[in-house]
Amino acid sequence: MAAEYCHFIGAQTLVSDDLEIIRRVLQGEIDSFAELIARYQQHVVKITTRHVPADRVEEVAHDVFVRAYTSLSSFSGRTPFEH
């Protein structure tokens, strides 16, 4: 049970960190978005690999982050950034 609790706390911390990064980006620290890219790039590539041809994975993954960045001001924070 304790290990599960620690995992939950870690997830909550990650979400809080994401929200803090998003807040900084929206306040003009646009370079902070690189932290979200580094954090979620593998996850995005893994999902993208299942849906597009191998020669397009990098391009599509890049597009995902571009769309996320341009939509950041409408991010509600009700769901994790990872979704």
Protein backbone atom coordinates (compact mmCIF):
# COMPACT_ATOMS: atom_id res chain seq x y z
CA MET A 1 0.00 0.00 0.00
CA ALA A 2 2.79 2.46 0.83
CA ALA A 3 4.38 2.00 -2.61
CA GLU A 4 1.05 2.74 -4.29
CA TYR A 5 0.66 5.87 -2.17
CA CYS A 6 4.14 7.08 -3.14
CA HIS A 7 3.36 6.47 -6.80
CA PHE A 8 0.20 8.56 -6.44
CA ILE A 9 2.11 11.37 -4.75
CA GLY A 10 4.69 11.24 -7.55
CA ALA A 11 1.95 11.51 -10.17
CA GLN A 12 0.41 14.46 -8.34
CA THR A 13 3.81 16.16 -8.19
CA LEU A 14 4.30 15.61 -11.90
CA VAL A 15 0.92 17.18 -12.67
CA SER A 16 1.73 20.13 -10.39
CA ASP A 17 5.09 20.54 -12.13
CA ASP A 18 3.36 20.49 -15.53
CA LEU A 19 0.93 23.18 -14.42
CA GLU A 20 3.81 25.30 -13.15
CA ILE A 21 5.65 24.92 -16.45
CA ILE A 22 2.51 25.84 -18.38
CA ARG A 23 2.01 28.90 -16.17
CA ARG A 24 5.58 30.02 -16.88
CA VAL A 25 5.17 29.51 -20.63
CA LEU A 26 1.95 31.52 -20.65
CA GLN A 27 3.72 34.29 -18.74
CA GLY A 28 6.30 34.57 -21.51
CA GLU A 29 8.98 32.05 -20.53
CA ILE A 30 8.46 30.18 -23.80
CA ASP A 31 11.71 28.25 -23.49
CA SER A 32 10.14 26.42 -20.54
CA PHE A 33 8.01 24.47 -23.01
CA ALA A 34 11.15 22.46 -23.80
CA GLU A 35 10.74 20.87 -20.34
CA LEU A 36 7.35 19.46 -21.37
CA ILE A 37 8.77 18.22 -24.65
CA ALA A 38 11.61 16.44 -22.86
CA ARG A 39 9.19 14.96 -20.34
CA TYR A 40 6.65 13.63 -22.86
CA GLN A 41 8.52 13.12 -26.13
CA GLN A 42 8.98 9.37 -25.66
CA HIS A 43 5.31 8.97 -24.76
CA VAL A 44 4.16 10.90 -27.85
CA VAL A 45 6.53 8.99 -30.14
CA LYS A 46 5.33 5.67 -28.70
CA ILE A 47 1.70 6.53 -29.42
CA THR A 48 2.47 8.03 -32.82
CA THR A 49 4.42 4.91 -33.86
CA ARG A 50 1.21 2.90 -33.55
CA HIS A 51 -0.74 5.20 -35.87
CA VAL A 52 1.49 6.45 -38.68
CA PRO A 53 4.12 5.00 -41.01
CA ALA A 54 7.61 4.86 -39.50
CA ASP A 55 8.97 7.51 -41.86
CA ARG A 56 6.39 10.04 -40.56
CA VAL A 57 6.63 9.42 -36.80
CA GLU A 58 9.10 12.22 -36.07
CA GLU A 59 7.14 14.75 -38.14
CA VAL A 60 3.79 13.84 -36.59
CA ALA A 61 5.23 13.85 -33.06
CA HIS A 62 6.64 17.33 -33.73
CA ASP A 63 3.21 18.46 -34.95
CA VAL A 64 1.63 17.18 -31.74
CA PHE A 65 3.88 19.45 -29.69
CA VAL A 66 3.31 22.41 -32.00
CA ARG A 67 -0.45 21.99 -31.57
CA ALA A 68 -0.08 21.59 -27.83
CA TYR A 69 1.96 24.78 -27.66
CA THR A 70 -0.45 26.82 -29.76
CA SER A 71 -3.40 25.56 -27.68
CA LEU A 72 -1.72 26.02 -24.31
CA SER A 73 -3.80 29.06 -23.36
CA SER A 74 -6.97 26.95 -23.52
CA PHE A 75 -5.55 24.13 -21.37
CA SER A 76 -7.91 23.82 -18.41
CA GLY A 77 -5.70 21.70 -16.16
CA ARG A 78 -8.64 19.41 -15.36
CA THR A 79 -6.81 16.51 -17.02
CA PRO A 80 -3.08 15.80 -16.99
CA PHE A 81 -1.08 17.49 -19.75
CA GLU A 82 0.04 14.01 -20.80
CA HIS A 83 -3.45 13.31 -22.18
